[in-house]
Protein backbone atom coordinates (compact mmCIF):
# COMPACT_ATOMS: atom_id res chain seq x y z
CA MET A 1 185.33 80.40 152.44
CA ASN A 2 184.17 79.00 149.10
CA ALA A 3 187.36 77.25 147.99
CA LEU A 4 187.11 73.56 147.15
CA ASP A 5 189.84 71.32 148.54
CA SER A 6 190.83 67.64 148.70
CA THR A 7 187.75 66.81 150.80
CA HIS A 8 185.57 67.54 147.75
CA ASP A 9 187.62 65.51 145.27
CA PRO A 10 185.13 63.21 143.48
CA GLU A 11 187.93 60.65 143.03
CA ARG A 12 188.66 60.38 146.76
CA ARG A 13 187.56 57.05 148.23
CA ALA A 14 187.01 55.89 151.81
CA TRP A 15 188.30 52.61 153.20
CA VAL A 16 184.77 52.01 154.54
CA PRO A 17 183.22 49.69 151.90
CA SER A 18 179.61 50.92 152.25
CA ALA A 19 180.70 54.50 151.51
CA GLN A 20 181.53 53.39 147.94
CA ALA A 21 177.97 52.29 147.13
CA PRO A 22 176.60 54.45 144.27
CA ASP A 23 173.40 55.21 146.19
CA SER A 24 175.08 55.94 149.53
CA ASP A 25 173.99 59.22 151.10
CA PHE A 26 177.26 59.38 152.99
CA PRO A 27 180.34 59.00 150.78
CA ILE A 28 183.60 60.51 151.98
CA GLN A 29 182.73 63.77 150.19
CA ASN A 30 179.85 64.30 152.66
CA LEU A 31 180.89 63.59 156.29
CA PRO A 32 177.81 65.06 158.02
CA LEU A 33 177.77 65.63 161.76
CA GLY A 34 175.26 64.27 164.26
CA VAL A 35 174.75 63.11 167.84
CA PHE A 36 174.16 59.45 168.66
CA SER A 37 174.16 56.98 171.52
CA ARG A 38 174.53 53.23 171.74
CA GLY A 39 173.32 50.86 174.39
CA GLY A 40 172.03 53.59 176.67
CA ALA A 41 175.39 55.36 176.88
CA THR A 42 175.73 59.14 177.02
CA PRO A 43 175.12 60.75 173.61
CA ARG A 44 178.19 61.89 171.72
CA GLY A 45 179.15 63.41 168.41
CA GLY A 46 179.69 61.32 165.33
CA VAL A 47 180.32 61.51 161.59
CA ALA A 48 178.31 59.46 159.08
CA ILE A 49 180.33 57.43 156.59
CA GLY A 50 178.49 54.86 154.47
CA ASP A 51 176.32 52.84 156.84
CA GLN A 52 178.64 53.51 159.77
CA ILE A 53 179.23 56.26 162.34
CA LEU A 54 182.72 57.37 163.32
CA ASP A 55 182.63 57.86 167.10
CA LEU A 56 184.29 61.26 167.53
CA ARG A 57 184.70 60.89 171.29
CA ALA A 58 186.54 57.61 170.83
CA ALA A 59 188.59 59.05 167.97
CA LEU A 60 189.55 62.03 170.13
CA ASP A 61 190.55 59.78 173.04
CA ALA A 62 192.64 57.67 170.64
CA GLY A 63 194.43 60.71 169.27
CA LEU A 64 193.08 60.18 165.75
CA VAL A 65 191.50 63.66 165.70
CA SER A 66 192.61 66.60 167.79
CA GLY A 67 192.12 70.26 168.52
CA PRO A 68 189.29 72.48 169.80
CA ALA A 69 186.95 71.63 166.90
CA ALA A 70 187.24 67.89 167.50
CA GLU A 71 186.75 68.36 171.24
CA ALA A 72 183.58 70.41 170.67
CA ALA A 73 182.18 68.02 168.06
CA ALA A 74 182.58 65.03 170.40
CA GLU A 75 180.20 66.53 172.98
CA PRO A 76 176.52 65.49 173.44
CA GLY A 77 175.47 68.49 171.35
CA LEU A 78 177.07 70.51 168.57
CA ASN A 79 176.35 73.99 169.98
CA ARG A 80 179.92 74.71 171.05
CA LEU A 81 181.24 73.68 167.64
CA MET A 82 178.60 75.87 166.01
CA ALA A 83 179.63 78.78 168.21
CA MET A 84 183.21 78.46 166.95
CA GLY A 85 182.13 79.27 163.39
CA ARG A 86 182.63 77.80 159.95
CA GLY A 87 186.42 77.61 160.27
CA ALA A 88 186.18 75.05 163.07
CA SER A 89 183.88 72.68 161.19
CA ARG A 90 186.08 73.05 158.11
CA ASP A 91 189.17 72.03 160.14
CA LEU A 92 187.37 69.00 161.58
CA ARG A 93 186.16 67.97 158.11
CA ARG A 94 189.73 67.88 156.79
CA GLN A 95 190.92 65.77 159.71
CA VAL A 96 188.12 63.24 159.38
CA SER A 97 188.43 63.07 155.59
CA ASP A 98 192.14 62.24 155.84
CA LEU A 99 191.44 59.65 158.55
CA LEU A 100 188.79 57.86 156.49
CA ALA A 101 190.47 58.10 153.08
CA GLU A 102 191.99 55.08 151.39
CA GLY A 103 195.65 54.83 152.33
CA SER A 104 195.19 56.36 155.80
CA ALA A 105 197.90 55.06 158.13
CA ALA A 106 195.36 54.98 160.98
CA ALA A 107 192.69 53.01 159.11
CA ASP A 108 193.06 49.84 161.19
CA GLN A 109 192.87 51.80 164.43
CA ALA A 110 189.87 53.86 163.24
CA GLN A 111 188.03 50.75 162.01
CA ALA A 112 187.48 49.73 165.65
CA LEU A 113 185.77 53.08 166.33
CA LEU A 114 183.00 52.65 163.76
CA VAL A 115 179.45 52.04 165.01
CA PRO A 116 176.88 50.47 162.65
CA MET A 117 174.01 52.91 162.10
CA GLY A 118 171.55 50.12 162.83
CA GLU A 119 172.88 49.89 166.39
CA ALA A 120 172.77 53.64 167.11
CA GLN A 121 170.04 55.88 168.42
CA MET A 122 170.10 59.35 166.88
CA HIS A 123 169.37 62.51 168.87
CA LEU A 124 168.76 66.15 168.02
CA PRO A 125 172.14 67.47 166.90
CA CYS A 126 172.09 70.47 169.23
CA THR A 127 170.04 72.45 171.70
CA ILE A 128 167.67 74.64 169.69
CA ALA A 129 167.03 78.01 171.25
CA ASN A 130 164.99 79.43 168.37
CA PHE A 131 163.18 78.14 165.29
CA SER A 132 162.03 80.51 162.54
CA ASP A 133 160.10 79.23 159.55
CA PHE A 134 160.28 81.01 156.18
CA MET A 135 158.22 80.88 153.01
CA VAL A 136 160.60 81.13 150.04
CA SER A 137 158.83 79.09 147.34
CA ARG A 138 156.96 81.34 144.92
CA ASP A 139 155.11 78.32 143.52
CA HIS A 140 153.86 77.16 146.95
CA SER A 141 152.77 80.67 147.88
CA TRP A 142 151.07 81.22 144.51
CA ARG A 143 149.11 77.94 144.46
CA LEU A 144 147.67 78.27 147.94
CA GLY A 145 147.33 82.04 147.79
CA ALA A 146 145.23 81.79 144.64
CA LEU A 147 142.57 79.96 146.67
CA LYS A 148 142.02 83.16 148.64
CA ASP A 149 142.60 85.75 145.92
CA ALA A 150 143.26 84.66 142.34
CA LEU A 151 144.14 88.24 141.37
CA ALA A 152 146.71 88.72 144.14
CA PRO A 153 147.87 85.27 145.27
CA LEU A 154 151.23 86.30 146.77
CA PRO A 155 151.62 88.09 150.11
CA PRO A 156 152.26 91.79 149.40
CA ALA A 157 155.84 91.59 150.73
CA PHE A 158 156.82 88.30 149.07
CA ASP A 159 159.08 89.81 146.39
CA SER A 160 160.57 92.35 148.81
CA LEU A 161 161.67 90.10 151.65
CA PRO A 162 161.78 86.45 152.73
CA VAL A 163 158.55 86.13 154.72
CA ALA A 164 158.80 84.21 158.02
CA TYR A 165 157.29 83.66 161.44
CA HIS A 166 158.77 82.57 164.77
CA SER A 167 157.84 78.94 165.40
CA ARG A 168 158.13 76.57 168.38
CA ALA A 169 161.64 75.27 169.20
CA SER A 170 160.49 73.01 172.06
CA SER A 171 158.43 70.75 169.78
CA VAL A 172 161.23 70.03 167.27
CA ARG A 173 161.96 66.30 167.26
CA VAL A 174 164.50 64.07 165.57
CA SER A 175 163.52 61.83 162.66
CA GLY A 176 161.91 58.56 163.77
CA GLU A 177 159.87 60.00 166.63
CA PRO A 178 156.14 59.56 165.92
CA VAL A 179 153.79 62.50 165.50
CA VAL A 180 150.57 62.50 167.52
CA ARG A 181 147.54 63.80 165.66
CA PRO A 182 146.60 67.02 167.46
CA ASN A 183 143.30 68.16 168.81
CA GLY A 184 142.31 71.65 167.86
CA GLN A 185 139.60 74.13 167.02
CA TRP A 186 138.34 74.94 163.54
CA LYS A 187 135.25 76.13 161.70
CA ARG A 188 132.76 73.69 160.17
CA ARG A 189 129.60 74.61 158.29
CA GLU A 190 127.55 73.89 161.37
CA GLY A 191 129.76 76.00 163.62
CA VAL A 192 133.04 76.03 165.54
CA HIS A 193 134.32 72.52 166.35
CA PHE A 194 136.99 71.09 168.66
CA GLY A 195 138.56 67.67 168.12
CA PRO A 196 141.28 65.76 166.24
CA THR A 197 142.41 67.52 163.07
CA GLU A 198 140.94 66.10 159.88
CA ALA A 199 143.51 67.78 157.61
CA LEU A 200 146.98 66.78 158.85
CA ASP A 201 149.61 67.61 156.25
CA PHE A 202 153.37 67.49 155.73
CA GLU A 203 155.57 70.30 154.39
CA LEU A 204 158.88 69.40 152.75
CA GLU A 205 161.48 71.95 153.82
CA LEU A 206 165.22 72.44 154.08
CA ALA A 207 166.57 72.79 157.63
CA ILE A 208 169.22 75.50 157.94
CA TRP A 209 171.44 75.33 161.05
CA LEU A 210 173.26 78.48 162.13
CA ALA A 211 176.81 79.04 163.34
CA GLY A 212 178.32 81.90 165.28
CA GLU A 213 176.49 84.70 167.07
CA ASN A 214 175.80 88.39 166.60
CA ALA A 215 175.20 90.74 169.51
CA LEU A 216 171.69 92.11 169.97
CA GLY A 217 171.38 95.24 167.86
CA THR A 218 174.08 94.13 165.39
CA PRO A 219 172.87 93.18 161.90
CA VAL A 220 174.48 90.54 159.66
CA PRO A 221 175.17 91.96 156.18
CA MET A 222 175.11 89.79 153.07
CA SER A 223 178.92 89.78 152.99
CA ARG A 224 179.00 87.92 156.32
CA ALA A 225 175.81 85.87 156.06
CA PRO A 226 177.53 82.79 154.52
CA GLU A 227 179.75 82.56 157.61
CA ARG A 228 176.61 82.00 159.69
CA LEU A 229 175.45 78.96 157.67
CA PHE A 230 176.71 75.93 159.61
CA GLY A 231 174.86 73.26 157.66
CA TYR A 232 171.65 71.78 156.33
CA GLY A 233 169.18 68.96 156.80
CA LEU A 234 165.57 68.03 156.05
CA LEU A 235 162.62 69.43 157.97
CA ASN A 236 158.96 68.42 158.08
CA ASP A 237 156.82 71.33 159.21
CA TRP A 238 153.72 69.30 160.13
CA SER A 239 150.56 71.35 159.57
CA ALA A 240 146.93 70.92 160.64
CA ARG A 241 145.28 72.74 157.75
CA ASP A 242 141.77 73.00 159.19
CA ILE A 243 143.11 74.47 162.44
CA GLN A 244 145.48 76.72 160.48
CA ARG A 245 142.75 78.22 158.29
CA TRP A 246 140.67 79.14 161.34
CA GLU A 247 143.37 80.53 163.62
CA MET A 248 145.71 82.38 161.20
CA PRO A 249 143.92 85.73 160.77
CA PRO A 250 145.34 88.13 161.78
CA LEU A 251 148.57 87.00 163.51
CA GLY A 252 149.59 83.91 161.54
CA PRO A 253 150.19 80.22 162.37
CA PHE A 254 150.01 79.04 165.97
CA LEU A 255 148.75 75.64 167.18
CA ALA A 256 148.44 74.29 163.65
CA LYS A 257 152.25 74.33 163.44
CA SER A 258 153.55 73.85 166.98
CA LEU A 259 152.23 70.27 167.24
CA SER A 260 155.61 68.88 166.06
CA THR A 261 158.48 69.55 163.67
CA SER A 262 160.64 66.64 162.48
CA VAL A 263 164.28 67.13 161.44
CA SER A 264 166.78 64.71 159.94
CA PRO A 265 169.52 63.78 162.44
CA TRP A 266 172.57 64.51 160.26
CA ILE A 267 173.77 68.03 159.51
CA VAL A 268 175.36 68.23 156.08
CA THR A 269 177.90 70.99 156.61
CA ALA A 270 178.03 74.09 154.46
CA GLU A 271 181.53 72.99 153.42
CA ALA A 272 180.19 69.71 152.04
CA LEU A 273 177.69 71.62 149.89
CA LEU A 274 180.20 73.98 148.25
CA PRO A 275 180.27 71.97 144.98
CA PHE A 276 176.49 72.32 144.73
CA ALA A 277 176.30 76.12 144.99
CA ILE A 278 174.52 77.68 142.02
CA PRO A 279 173.30 81.16 141.06
CA SER A 280 170.26 82.38 142.94
CA ALA A 281 166.99 81.77 141.10
CA GLU A 282 166.15 84.15 138.28
CA ARG A 283 163.38 86.60 139.03
CA GLY A 284 160.56 86.65 136.53
CA GLU A 285 159.77 89.50 134.20
CA GLY A 286 158.38 92.45 136.08
CA VAL A 287 159.51 91.18 139.51
CA GLN A 288 161.45 93.83 141.40
CA PRO A 289 165.10 93.09 142.28
CA PRO A 290 166.03 92.69 145.94
CA LEU A 291 166.71 95.83 147.91
CA PRO A 292 170.46 96.52 148.24
CA TYR A 293 170.74 95.10 151.76
CA LEU A 294 169.52 91.70 150.44
CA ASP A 295 171.73 91.69 147.36
CA SER A 296 175.36 90.83 146.67
CA THR A 297 177.47 89.68 143.75
CA GLU A 298 178.39 86.52 145.65
CA ASN A 299 174.75 85.67 146.37
CA ARG A 300 173.75 86.18 142.75
CA ALA A 301 176.60 83.90 141.63
CA ARG A 302 176.55 81.18 144.33
CA GLY A 303 173.67 81.78 146.74
CA GLY A 304 171.44 78.93 145.54
CA LEU A 305 171.76 75.21 146.16
CA SER A 306 171.11 72.33 143.78
CA ILE A 307 169.33 69.78 145.97
CA ALA A 308 166.80 67.27 144.64
CA MET A 309 164.13 66.62 147.28
CA GLU A 310 161.47 63.92 147.51
CA VAL A 311 158.47 62.93 149.65
CA TRP A 312 157.42 59.28 150.02
CA LEU A 313 154.33 57.89 151.76
CA LEU A 314 154.06 54.45 153.38
CA THR A 315 150.52 53.56 154.44
CA PRO A 316 149.53 50.81 156.90
CA ARG A 317 148.11 48.81 153.99
CA MET A 318 151.39 49.05 152.10
CA LYS A 319 153.28 47.86 155.18
CA ALA A 320 150.92 44.93 155.71
CA ALA A 321 151.41 43.86 152.10
CA GLY A 322 155.19 44.06 152.45
CA GLY A 323 155.44 46.81 149.87
CA GLY A 324 157.55 49.92 149.78
CA PRO A 325 156.48 53.55 149.96
CA ALA A 326 155.04 55.57 147.07
CA ARG A 327 156.66 58.79 145.92
CA LEU A 328 154.39 61.81 146.12
CA THR A 329 156.73 64.69 145.32
CA ALA A 330 159.97 65.38 143.45
CA THR A 331 161.23 68.97 143.59
CA ASP A 332 164.49 70.93 143.80
CA PHE A 333 165.66 73.64 146.16
CA ALA A 334 167.26 75.41 143.17
CA THR A 335 163.94 77.08 142.29
CA MET A 336 163.46 78.87 145.62
CA ALA A 337 162.98 82.63 145.37
CA TRP A 338 165.19 83.51 148.36
CA THR A 339 168.54 82.03 149.40
CA PRO A 340 169.73 80.90 152.85
CA ALA A 341 172.08 83.89 153.07
CA GLN A 342 169.18 86.28 152.36
CA MET A 343 167.15 84.57 155.10
CA VAL A 344 169.97 85.15 157.58
CA THR A 345 170.53 88.78 156.65
CA HIS A 346 166.84 89.68 156.71
CA HIS A 347 166.31 87.84 160.03
CA ALA A 348 169.08 89.88 161.66
CA SER A 349 168.38 93.14 159.81
CA ASN A 350 166.61 94.60 162.84
CA GLY A 351 169.48 93.56 165.11
CA CYS A 352 167.95 90.23 166.15
CA ASN A 353 170.67 88.13 167.80
CA LEU A 354 170.94 84.77 166.03
CA LEU A 355 172.49 82.05 168.21
CA PRO A 356 174.64 78.97 167.56
CA GLY A 357 172.23 76.11 166.84
CA ASP A 358 169.32 78.32 165.84
CA LEU A 359 167.17 76.58 163.26
CA LEU A 360 165.64 78.11 160.14
CA GLY A 361 163.08 76.32 158.00
CA SER A 362 163.03 77.23 154.34
CA GLY A 363 159.30 76.88 154.01
CA THR A 364 157.61 74.41 151.68
CA CYS A 365 159.97 73.69 148.76
CA SER A 366 157.41 73.36 145.98
CA GLY A 367 158.57 73.67 142.39
CA PRO A 368 156.77 74.90 139.30
CA GLY A 369 155.88 71.58 137.64
CA GLU A 370 153.16 69.03 138.24
CA GLY A 371 154.38 66.54 140.84
CA SER A 372 156.70 69.07 142.48
CA GLU A 373 154.05 70.22 144.98
CA ALA A 374 155.69 69.75 148.40
CA CYS A 375 152.59 69.44 150.58
CA MET A 376 149.24 67.67 150.33
CA ALA A 377 147.29 70.95 150.33
CA GLU A 378 148.84 71.66 146.94
CA LEU A 379 148.75 68.10 145.62
CA ILE A 380 145.00 67.78 146.16
CA LEU A 381 144.35 70.86 144.04
CA ARG A 382 144.55 68.34 141.17
CA GLY A 383 142.16 65.95 142.94
CA PRO A 384 142.59 63.16 145.53
CA ILE A 385 146.06 61.63 145.65
CA GLU A 386 145.92 58.20 144.03
CA LEU A 387 148.44 55.67 145.37
CA PRO A 388 149.80 52.69 143.37
CA ASN A 389 147.92 50.14 145.52
CA GLY A 390 144.53 51.75 144.84
CA GLU A 391 144.33 53.80 148.05
CA THR A 392 143.61 57.51 147.93
CA ARG A 393 144.48 60.35 150.26
CA ARG A 394 143.48 63.95 150.71
CA PHE A 395 145.34 64.36 153.98
CA LEU A 396 147.30 62.03 156.26
CA GLU A 397 145.61 59.19 158.10
CA ASP A 398 146.62 57.47 161.34
CA GLY A 399 149.40 54.96 160.72
CA ASP A 400 150.71 56.74 157.62
CA GLU A 401 154.47 57.23 157.56
CA VAL A 402 155.96 60.21 155.73
CA ILE A 403 159.55 59.96 154.49
CA PHE A 404 161.70 62.80 153.15
CA ARG A 405 164.87 62.18 151.10
CA ALA A 406 167.25 64.51 149.29
CA ARG A 407 170.49 64.52 147.31
CA ALA A 408 172.75 67.41 146.31
CA HIS A 409 173.85 67.10 142.69
CA ALA A 410 176.13 68.91 140.25
CA PRO A 411 178.10 67.99 137.12
CA GLY A 412 181.54 66.63 138.01
CA ALA A 413 180.81 66.37 141.75
CA ALA A 414 180.20 63.30 143.89
CA SER A 415 176.49 63.39 144.76
CA ILE A 416 175.78 63.44 148.49
CA GLY A 417 172.60 62.75 150.46
CA PHE A 418 170.97 63.96 153.64
CA GLY A 419 169.65 60.75 155.16
CA GLU A 420 165.96 60.35 155.82
CA CYS A 421 163.54 62.47 157.80
CA ARG A 422 160.58 60.23 158.67
CA ALA A 423 157.76 59.90 161.16
CA VAL A 424 154.56 57.87 161.56
CA ILE A 425 151.22 59.40 162.53
CA LEU A 426 149.67 58.20 165.81
CA PRO A 427 145.99 58.70 166.71
CA ALA A 428 144.92 61.75 168.67
CA PRO A 429 144.68 61.14 172.41
CA PRO A 430 141.24 61.27 174.02
CA TRP A 431 140.52 64.66 175.51
CA PRO A 432 141.16 64.57 179.30
CA ALA A 433 138.14 63.99 181.50
CA GLU A 434 137.21 66.73 183.92
């Protein structure tokens, strides 16, 4: 399961010129999967390579890839491939890597099957039955928890289990779709108020896409949890903080979170991330170790992931001036207190049946240092956010565009990226007349 092979070779090169660019998110060592369409045609599966997409349906029809995995990946959604498990995506990865590698005998034939990314419309990569959102950053939980109780800032169960709640699958949207500022109810000094949120925030998270299925009543132990990790992407868990503060007690987030969730369109497979596996984060002095059902030698040695993550903000004024976005956050998934495998095992520990294409959010990936705060609610604890052009922000304004980027990195490995997760904020709609 964890063996590196020729697809990870940092010396391997693709015959696609753009894949060789040093800053390319999609070199041949990556080969993420997604669903795209072109010119109004039926969506189909594709693989990102440089600034191009290999059309898997066309490659299948041309006999350049074959087998059940290729057939499933060419469909308008990746659920059937996900249901087949990690072995299927690993087989497809090897086929595509050989097809796109320098020296491939089928390079000329495959060249005609490439679609420029600029001409493609991306879609959600699969049908999402369930979306659960976790909270695995100790630093995020500590900073915001201290506002309520400086003596006990962490939830009581934080060090015992990866805390989560069941979120809204139907409002997950692919990167590029705008987010409409929601109306909602919250408490002002003068009383309860209803109207457009005044505290719209982003949350930088890792998207975790699941493979396989377990029957209801059948847990997933740590030894099998890695088999359920199909791949990863970026996730923006948009949050209306004023609404959230008012509605959370006692049952947790509701309308403050279900307004929209943005995900990056490409799924970086678990196989692609094998070179970036690292030991799970060290627990601080006095922090209890995980209970046995959430512990394993493999997880301690390779359960973490080394992924640098960033948030950028592009305001309307920046756009009008022809400028680029400003970076707000730089953090790393390596510091998270719980690993993806632990999230899977705990989620299914009561026998919950996890389905192919289920989506897990890691929770806000804040790190320990200044500038690693992965949401505005944390950033503004140091005062208003000052942008390079003189603007300031406390929360997001209409017209602001939030952009997430990330790269997996490790010594001796070819760095790979995730593509962008971005969305612009649209004004709240007027409340319907009677």
